[in-house]
Structure formats: C-alpha cells, structure tokens
Amino acid sequence: MDVTERSAAGPARQPLLAAALLTAAGLVDAVSAWAHTRHGRFAVATADGVYQVDLGAWAWVHLAVGGAVVLAGLAVLGRRRRAVPLAFCCVLPAIVVDLLLFPYAPVRAVIVVALDGAALRLLARHHRSTRAEDQPRRGAAG
C-alpha cells in the first residue's frame, strides 16, 4: 500500500473510529450513572464535619446524557446526514456533566472526557475535509 492509498483510506475510517469512541464513552457513562442511581451517596469530609451527599438526581441526568451519546455514536456509525452536529450537541453536555462529577469519579471522568474529545476531533477533521472536497476550486480557468 503506497502513501496515496493509505491517506485515502485514513479519512474514510475516521467516522467509524469516532462512532466506536462515542458509543464506548456513552456506554461507560450510562452504566456508571445507572450504578449511581442505586447507590449515589458519598461522604464528604470538611473542616466542619462529615456530610453525606446524594447524587441521585445527577445520576439520572448523567444516564440521559450517556444514552444520548450512545445514540449519537450510532447515528455517526449509520452515516446519517446530520450525525456530526448531533454528536457535537450530545457530547459537549456530556463533557460538562463528566467534569462536574469529576470529584466523585475522577478516573472514569478523565477516561470518558478523553474518549469524547478524541471522537469530536476525528469528526471535526472528517467534516472539514469533506466540506473542502465539496467546495469548488477557486482560481480555475473555466
């Protein structure tokens, strides 16, 4: 396989990899959120004492956002027409929710935000390259 064949195959695989990353990140979010709906209490120690924090409502929000990211990943996999804007609209709130819940599950939050960010970068690069191919070339004598 020479360089031109490799470079032509790379952009075609970007949406497939992005769909896999989005689906995996959404599943991790949904499964961990489902676990927090059952046992979402954390003990927080401060200088004034120990408090119990219930994250039940945040867990339901997290579950909905994780489900939306899974659906966005499946839409990208199915190469739907508006899959890229849908993915951006679903993943950005997911990143915000993961960062808000960072103190309670830091390792999972870092992994999921990294997966979401990598998927968004792949989708943005692919979307930009396909838009550049669709635009007519300027300066061509015709």
N, C-alpha and C. Protein backbone atom coordinates (compact mmCIF):
# COMPACT_ATOMS: atom_id res chain seq x y z
N MET A 1 0.85 -1.17 0.00
CA MET A 1 0.00 0.00 0.00
C MET A 1 0.90 1.23 0.00
N ASP A 2 0.74 2.07 -1.00
CA ASP A 2 1.57 3.26 -1.05
C ASP A 2 0.92 4.40 -0.26
N VAL A 3 1.57 5.55 -0.26
CA VAL A 3 1.14 6.67 0.57
C VAL A 3 -0.22 7.20 0.15
N THR A 4 -0.50 7.26 -1.15
CA THR A 4 -1.79 7.80 -1.59
C THR A 4 -2.95 6.89 -1.19
N GLU A 5 -2.74 5.57 -1.25
CA GLU A 5 -3.78 4.64 -0.82
C GLU A 5 -4.01 4.74 0.68
N ARG A 6 -2.95 4.88 1.45
CA ARG A 6 -3.06 4.97 2.89
C ARG A 6 -3.76 6.26 3.31
N SER A 7 -3.43 7.37 2.66
CA SER A 7 -4.05 8.64 3.03
C SER A 7 -5.51 8.68 2.61
N ALA A 8 -5.86 8.00 1.54
CA ALA A 8 -7.26 7.96 1.11
C ALA A 8 -8.09 7.07 2.03
N ALA A 9 -7.50 6.02 2.59
CA ALA A 9 -8.24 5.13 3.48
C ALA A 9 -8.38 5.72 4.87
N GLY A 10 -7.45 6.56 5.29
CA GLY A 10 -7.49 7.13 6.63
C GLY A 10 -8.73 7.97 6.91
N PRO A 11 -9.04 8.97 6.09
CA PRO A 11 -10.22 9.79 6.35
C PRO A 11 -11.53 9.00 6.29
N ALA A 12 -11.57 7.94 5.52
CA ALA A 12 -12.79 7.14 5.45
C ALA A 12 -13.03 6.38 6.75
N ARG A 13 -11.97 6.09 7.48
CA ARG A 13 -12.10 5.36 8.74
C ARG A 13 -12.36 6.27 9.93
N GLN A 14 -12.17 7.56 9.77
CA GLN A 14 -12.34 8.48 10.91
C GLN A 14 -13.75 8.43 11.49
N PRO A 15 -14.82 8.46 10.69
CA PRO A 15 -16.15 8.39 11.30
C PRO A 15 -16.41 7.06 12.00
N LEU A 16 -15.86 5.98 11.47
CA LEU A 16 -16.04 4.67 12.10
C LEU A 16 -15.38 4.63 13.48
N LEU A 17 -14.16 5.14 13.56
CA LEU A 17 -13.46 5.20 14.84
C LEU A 17 -14.16 6.15 15.79
N ALA A 18 -14.62 7.29 15.30
CA ALA A 18 -15.33 8.25 16.14
C ALA A 18 -16.62 7.65 16.67
N ALA A 19 -17.33 6.89 15.85
CA ALA A 19 -18.56 6.24 16.29
C ALA A 19 -18.28 5.22 17.39
N ALA A 20 -17.20 4.48 17.23
CA ALA A 20 -16.84 3.49 18.26
C ALA A 20 -16.46 4.19 19.57
N LEU A 21 -15.71 5.28 19.48
CA LEU A 21 -15.33 6.01 20.68
C LEU A 21 -16.54 6.62 21.37
N LEU A 22 -17.44 7.21 20.59
CA LEU A 22 -18.64 7.80 21.18
C LEU A 22 -19.52 6.75 21.83
N THR A 23 -19.70 5.63 21.17
CA THR A 23 -20.53 4.57 21.73
C THR A 23 -19.92 4.01 23.01
N ALA A 24 -18.61 3.81 23.01
CA ALA A 24 -17.95 3.31 24.22
C ALA A 24 -18.04 4.31 25.37
N ALA A 25 -17.80 5.58 25.09
CA ALA A 25 -17.88 6.60 26.14
C ALA A 25 -19.30 6.71 26.67
N GLY A 26 -20.28 6.67 25.78
CA GLY A 26 -21.67 6.75 26.23
C GLY A 26 -22.08 5.56 27.07
N LEU A 27 -21.60 4.37 26.69
CA LEU A 27 -21.92 3.18 27.48
C LEU A 27 -21.28 3.23 28.86
N VAL A 28 -20.05 3.70 28.94
CA VAL A 28 -19.39 3.84 30.24
C VAL A 28 -20.16 4.84 31.11
N ASP A 29 -20.55 5.97 30.52
CA ASP A 29 -21.33 6.95 31.26
C ASP A 29 -22.66 6.37 31.73
N ALA A 30 -23.37 5.68 30.85
CA ALA A 30 -24.68 5.15 31.19
C ALA A 30 -24.60 4.07 32.26
N VAL A 31 -23.63 3.19 32.15
CA VAL A 31 -23.51 2.10 33.14
C VAL A 31 -23.11 2.66 34.50
N SER A 32 -22.15 3.58 34.53
CA SER A 32 -21.76 4.15 35.82
C SER A 32 -22.87 5.00 36.41
N ALA A 33 -23.62 5.71 35.57
CA ALA A 33 -24.74 6.50 36.07
C ALA A 33 -25.84 5.60 36.62
N TRP A 34 -26.07 4.48 35.94
CA TRP A 34 -27.08 3.54 36.44
C TRP A 34 -26.68 3.02 37.82
N ALA A 35 -25.41 2.75 38.02
CA ALA A 35 -24.94 2.31 39.33
C ALA A 35 -25.12 3.40 40.38
N HIS A 36 -24.93 4.66 39.99
CA HIS A 36 -25.08 5.76 40.94
C HIS A 36 -26.54 6.06 41.26
N THR A 37 -27.48 5.64 40.40
CA THR A 37 -28.89 5.83 40.74
C THR A 37 -29.28 4.93 41.90
N ARG A 38 -28.61 3.80 42.01
CA ARG A 38 -28.89 2.87 43.11
C ARG A 38 -28.14 3.25 44.39
N HIS A 39 -26.87 3.60 44.25
CA HIS A 39 -26.02 3.89 45.41
C HIS A 39 -25.26 5.17 45.15
N GLY A 40 -25.95 6.29 45.13
CA GLY A 40 -25.32 7.55 44.77
C GLY A 40 -24.94 8.41 45.95
N ARG A 41 -24.71 7.81 47.11
CA ARG A 41 -24.34 8.59 48.28
C ARG A 41 -22.84 8.56 48.50
N PHE A 42 -22.31 9.75 48.75
CA PHE A 42 -20.89 9.90 49.03
C PHE A 42 -20.73 10.63 50.34
N ALA A 43 -19.69 10.30 51.07
CA ALA A 43 -19.37 11.02 52.30
C ALA A 43 -18.28 12.04 51.99
N VAL A 44 -18.54 13.29 52.37
CA VAL A 44 -17.61 14.37 52.11
C VAL A 44 -17.13 14.91 53.46
N ALA A 45 -15.82 14.87 53.67
CA ALA A 45 -15.25 15.35 54.92
C ALA A 45 -14.77 16.78 54.74
N THR A 46 -15.23 17.67 55.62
CA THR A 46 -14.79 19.06 55.63
C THR A 46 -14.26 19.39 57.00
N ALA A 47 -13.83 20.61 57.16
CA ALA A 47 -13.34 21.04 58.48
C ALA A 47 -14.47 21.09 59.50
N ASP A 48 -15.69 21.27 59.04
CA ASP A 48 -16.85 21.35 59.94
C ASP A 48 -17.45 20.01 60.26
N GLY A 49 -17.09 18.97 59.55
CA GLY A 49 -17.64 17.65 59.81
C GLY A 49 -17.74 16.83 58.55
N VAL A 50 -18.47 15.73 58.67
CA VAL A 50 -18.67 14.82 57.55
C VAL A 50 -20.12 14.93 57.10
N TYR A 51 -20.30 15.12 55.81
CA TYR A 51 -21.64 15.25 55.24
C TYR A 51 -21.86 14.16 54.22
N GLN A 52 -23.12 13.73 54.13
CA GLN A 52 -23.48 12.78 53.07
C GLN A 52 -24.08 13.56 51.92
N VAL A 53 -23.57 13.27 50.72
CA VAL A 53 -24.05 13.92 49.50
C VAL A 53 -24.76 12.86 48.66
N ASP A 54 -26.00 13.15 48.27
CA ASP A 54 -26.75 12.23 47.43
C ASP A 54 -26.71 12.74 46.00
N LEU A 55 -26.19 11.93 45.10
CA LEU A 55 -26.06 12.30 43.69
C LEU A 55 -27.11 11.63 42.81
N GLY A 56 -28.25 11.28 43.39
CA GLY A 56 -29.28 10.57 42.64
C GLY A 56 -29.79 11.35 41.44
N ALA A 57 -30.09 12.64 41.61
CA ALA A 57 -30.59 13.45 40.50
C ALA A 57 -29.52 13.63 39.42
N TRP A 58 -28.27 13.86 39.84
CA TRP A 58 -27.18 13.99 38.87
C TRP A 58 -26.98 12.68 38.12
N ALA A 59 -27.20 11.56 38.80
CA ALA A 59 -27.03 10.26 38.14
C ALA A 59 -28.07 10.08 37.03
N TRP A 60 -29.30 10.54 37.25
CA TRP A 60 -30.31 10.43 36.20
C TRP A 60 -29.97 11.32 35.01
N VAL A 61 -29.46 12.52 35.29
CA VAL A 61 -29.02 13.41 34.21
C VAL A 61 -27.86 12.76 33.44
N HIS A 62 -26.95 12.18 34.19
CA HIS A 62 -25.80 11.52 33.60
C HIS A 62 -26.23 10.33 32.74
N LEU A 63 -27.23 9.60 33.20
CA LEU A 63 -27.76 8.46 32.44
C LEU A 63 -28.37 8.94 31.12
N ALA A 64 -29.13 10.01 31.16
CA ALA A 64 -29.74 10.55 29.94
C ALA A 64 -28.68 11.04 28.96
N VAL A 65 -27.67 11.73 29.46
CA VAL A 65 -26.60 12.24 28.60
C VAL A 65 -25.80 11.07 28.01
N GLY A 66 -25.52 10.05 28.80
CA GLY A 66 -24.81 8.88 28.29
C GLY A 66 -25.60 8.16 27.21
N GLY A 67 -26.91 8.05 27.41
CA GLY A 67 -27.76 7.45 26.38
C GLY A 67 -27.77 8.27 25.10
N ALA A 68 -27.78 9.59 25.23
CA ALA A 68 -27.75 10.47 24.05
C ALA A 68 -26.43 10.31 23.29
N VAL A 69 -25.34 10.15 24.02
CA VAL A 69 -24.03 9.98 23.36
C VAL A 69 -23.99 8.63 22.63
N VAL A 70 -24.56 7.60 23.21
CA VAL A 70 -24.63 6.30 22.53
C VAL A 70 -25.43 6.43 21.23
N LEU A 71 -26.58 7.11 21.31
CA LEU A 71 -27.38 7.30 20.10
C LEU A 71 -26.66 8.13 19.05
N ALA A 72 -25.91 9.14 19.49
CA ALA A 72 -25.13 9.95 18.55
C ALA A 72 -24.04 9.09 17.90
N GLY A 73 -23.40 8.23 18.67
CA GLY A 73 -22.40 7.33 18.11
C GLY A 73 -23.00 6.38 17.08
N LEU A 74 -24.20 5.88 17.36
CA LEU A 74 -24.86 5.00 16.39
C LEU A 74 -25.29 5.77 15.15
N ALA A 75 -25.68 7.04 15.31
CA ALA A 75 -26.03 7.86 14.15
C ALA A 75 -24.81 8.11 13.26
N VAL A 76 -23.66 8.34 13.90
CA VAL A 76 -22.43 8.52 13.13
C VAL A 76 -22.07 7.22 12.43
N LEU A 77 -22.26 6.10 13.11
CA LEU A 77 -21.98 4.81 12.50
C LEU A 77 -22.88 4.55 11.30
N GLY A 78 -24.14 4.99 11.39
CA GLY A 78 -25.07 4.82 10.29
C GLY A 78 -24.91 5.88 9.21
N ARG A 79 -23.93 6.77 9.41
CA ARG A 79 -23.63 7.85 8.45
C ARG A 79 -24.88 8.67 8.12
N ARG A 80 -25.60 9.03 9.18
CA ARG A 80 -26.77 9.89 9.00
C ARG A 80 -26.33 11.27 8.55
N ARG A 81 -27.23 12.00 7.91
CA ARG A 81 -26.89 13.29 7.31
C ARG A 81 -26.46 14.31 8.36
N ARG A 82 -27.16 14.40 9.44
CA ARG A 82 -26.87 15.39 10.49
C ARG A 82 -26.21 14.75 11.71
N ALA A 83 -25.44 13.72 11.50
CA ALA A 83 -24.83 12.99 12.62
C ALA A 83 -23.75 13.81 13.32
N VAL A 84 -22.96 14.55 12.57
CA VAL A 84 -21.86 15.30 13.19
C VAL A 84 -22.38 16.42 14.08
N PRO A 85 -23.34 17.27 13.63
CA PRO A 85 -23.88 18.27 14.56
C PRO A 85 -24.58 17.64 15.75
N LEU A 86 -25.26 16.51 15.54
CA LEU A 86 -25.92 15.81 16.63
C LEU A 86 -24.88 15.33 17.64
N ALA A 87 -23.79 14.79 17.15
CA ALA A 87 -22.73 14.32 18.04
C ALA A 87 -22.16 15.46 18.87
N PHE A 88 -21.91 16.61 18.23
CA PHE A 88 -21.40 17.75 18.98
C PHE A 88 -22.40 18.21 20.04
N CYS A 89 -23.69 18.24 19.68
CA CYS A 89 -24.71 18.69 20.63
C CYS A 89 -24.91 17.71 21.78
N CYS A 90 -24.59 16.46 21.58
CA CYS A 90 -24.73 15.47 22.66
C CYS A 90 -23.46 15.35 23.49
N VAL A 91 -22.31 15.47 22.86
CA VAL A 91 -21.05 15.23 23.57
C VAL A 91 -20.65 16.42 24.43
N LEU A 92 -20.90 17.63 23.98
CA LEU A 92 -20.49 18.79 24.79
C LEU A 92 -21.18 18.82 26.16
N PRO A 93 -22.50 18.58 26.27
CA PRO A 93 -23.09 18.48 27.62
C PRO A 93 -22.55 17.28 28.40
N ALA A 94 -22.22 16.19 27.71
CA ALA A 94 -21.66 15.03 28.40
C ALA A 94 -20.31 15.37 29.03
N ILE A 95 -19.51 16.13 28.32
CA ILE A 95 -18.21 16.54 28.87
C ILE A 95 -18.42 17.44 30.08
N VAL A 96 -19.37 18.35 30.00
CA VAL A 96 -19.65 19.24 31.14
C VAL A 96 -20.11 18.44 32.36
N VAL A 97 -21.02 17.50 32.15
CA VAL A 97 -21.51 16.68 33.27
C VAL A 97 -20.39 15.84 33.85
N ASP A 98 -19.54 15.27 32.99
CA ASP A 98 -18.41 14.48 33.49
C ASP A 98 -17.45 15.34 34.31
N LEU A 99 -17.20 16.55 33.86
CA LEU A 99 -16.30 17.43 34.61
C LEU A 99 -16.92 17.89 35.92
N LEU A 100 -18.24 18.07 35.95
CA LEU A 100 -18.90 18.42 37.21
C LEU A 100 -18.86 17.28 38.22
N LEU A 101 -18.91 16.06 37.73
CA LEU A 101 -18.86 14.90 38.62
C LEU A 101 -17.45 14.36 38.81
N PHE A 102 -16.46 15.11 38.36
CA PHE A 102 -15.06 14.70 38.46
C PHE A 102 -14.64 14.37 39.91
N PRO A 103 -15.03 15.15 40.93
CA PRO A 103 -14.57 14.82 42.29
C PRO A 103 -15.04 13.46 42.80
N TYR A 104 -16.12 12.94 42.25
CA TYR A 104 -16.68 11.68 42.75
C TYR A 104 -16.19 10.46 41.99
N ALA A 105 -15.75 10.63 40.76
CA ALA A 105 -15.23 9.52 39.96
C ALA A 105 -14.17 10.07 39.01
N PRO A 106 -13.00 10.42 39.54
CA PRO A 106 -12.01 11.11 38.70
C PRO A 106 -11.43 10.26 37.57
N VAL A 107 -11.16 9.01 37.80
CA VAL A 107 -10.54 8.17 36.76
C VAL A 107 -11.51 7.98 35.61
N ARG A 108 -12.75 7.65 35.93
CA ARG A 108 -13.75 7.46 34.89
C ARG A 108 -13.99 8.75 34.12
N ALA A 109 -14.05 9.86 34.82
CA ALA A 109 -14.28 11.15 34.16
C ALA A 109 -13.16 11.48 33.18
N VAL A 110 -11.93 11.26 33.57
CA VAL A 110 -10.80 11.55 32.68
C VAL A 110 -10.84 10.65 31.45
N ILE A 111 -11.13 9.38 31.64
CA ILE A 111 -11.17 8.45 30.52
C ILE A 111 -12.30 8.81 29.55
N VAL A 112 -13.48 9.10 30.09
CA VAL A 112 -14.63 9.40 29.23
C VAL A 112 -14.44 10.73 28.51
N VAL A 113 -13.91 11.74 29.20
CA VAL A 113 -13.67 13.04 28.54
C VAL A 113 -12.62 12.88 27.45
N ALA A 114 -11.61 12.06 27.69
CA ALA A 114 -10.59 11.83 26.65
C ALA A 114 -11.20 11.12 25.44
N LEU A 115 -12.05 10.12 25.66
CA LEU A 115 -12.71 9.42 24.54
C LEU A 115 -13.62 10.38 23.77
N ASP A 116 -14.39 11.18 24.51
CA ASP A 116 -15.28 12.14 23.85
C ASP A 116 -14.50 13.17 23.05
N GLY A 117 -13.43 13.67 23.63
CA GLY A 117 -12.61 14.67 22.94
C GLY A 117 -11.95 14.12 21.69
N ALA A 118 -11.46 12.88 21.77
CA ALA A 118 -10.84 12.26 20.59
C ALA A 118 -11.88 12.05 19.49
N ALA A 119 -13.08 11.63 19.87
CA ALA A 119 -14.14 11.43 18.88
C ALA A 119 -14.53 12.75 18.22
N LEU A 120 -14.66 13.80 19.02
CA LEU A 120 -15.00 15.10 18.45
C LEU A 120 -13.92 15.61 17.50
N ARG A 121 -12.68 15.38 17.86
CA ARG A 121 -11.58 15.81 16.99
C ARG A 121 -11.62 15.05 15.66
N LEU A 122 -11.85 13.75 15.72
CA LEU A 122 -11.95 12.96 14.49
C LEU A 122 -13.12 13.42 13.62
N LEU A 123 -14.26 13.67 14.25
CA LEU A 123 -15.42 14.11 13.49
C LEU A 123 -15.20 15.49 12.87
N ALA A 124 -14.56 16.38 13.62
CA ALA A 124 -14.30 17.73 13.10
C ALA A 124 -13.35 17.67 11.91
N ARG A 125 -12.30 16.87 12.02
CA ARG A 125 -11.35 16.74 10.90
C ARG A 125 -12.01 16.13 9.68
N HIS A 126 -12.84 15.12 9.89
CA HIS A 126 -13.52 14.48 8.77
C HIS A 126 -14.53 15.45 8.13
N HIS A 127 -15.28 16.16 8.96
CA HIS A 127 -16.27 17.10 8.45
C HIS A 127 -15.60 18.22 7.66
N ARG A 128 -14.47 18.70 8.17
CA ARG A 128 -13.74 19.77 7.49
C ARG A 128 -13.18 19.28 6.15
N SER A 129 -12.67 18.05 6.12
CA SER A 129 -12.10 17.53 4.86
C SER A 129 -13.19 17.27 3.82
N THR A 130 -14.36 16.80 4.26
CA THR A 130 -15.44 16.57 3.29
C THR A 130 -16.02 17.89 2.79
N ARG A 131 -16.07 18.92 3.63
CA ARG A 131 -16.54 20.23 3.17
C ARG A 131 -15.56 20.84 2.19
N ALA A 132 -14.27 20.63 2.41
CA ALA A 132 -13.26 21.17 1.49
C ALA A 132 -13.35 20.49 0.13
N GLU A 133 -13.67 19.21 0.11
CA GLU A 133 -13.81 18.49 -1.16
C GLU A 133 -15.06 18.92 -1.91
N ASP A 134 -16.12 19.30 -1.19
CA ASP A 134 -17.38 19.67 -1.83
C ASP A 134 -17.34 21.07 -2.43
N GLN A 135 -16.49 21.95 -1.92
CA GLN A 135 -16.43 23.32 -2.43
C GLN A 135 -15.71 23.35 -3.77
N PRO A 136 -16.19 24.20 -4.68
CA PRO A 136 -15.50 24.30 -5.98
C PRO A 136 -14.15 24.98 -5.79
N ARG A 137 -13.21 24.61 -6.61
CA ARG A 137 -11.87 25.17 -6.52
C ARG A 137 -11.85 26.56 -7.11
N ARG A 138 -11.22 27.46 -6.41
CA ARG A 138 -11.11 28.84 -6.89
C ARG A 138 -9.87 28.99 -7.76
N GLY A 139 -9.96 29.89 -8.66
CA GLY A 139 -8.81 30.20 -9.49
C GLY A 139 -8.69 29.32 -10.71
N ALA A 140 -9.61 28.39 -10.87
CA ALA A 140 -9.55 27.51 -12.05
C ALA A 140 -10.14 28.25 -13.24
N ALA A 141 -9.42 28.24 -14.33
CA ALA A 141 -9.91 28.92 -15.53
C ALA A 141 -11.02 28.08 -16.15
N GLY A 142 -12.13 28.73 -16.45
CA GLY A 142 -13.20 27.92 -16.98
C GLY A 142 -14.00 28.55 -18.00
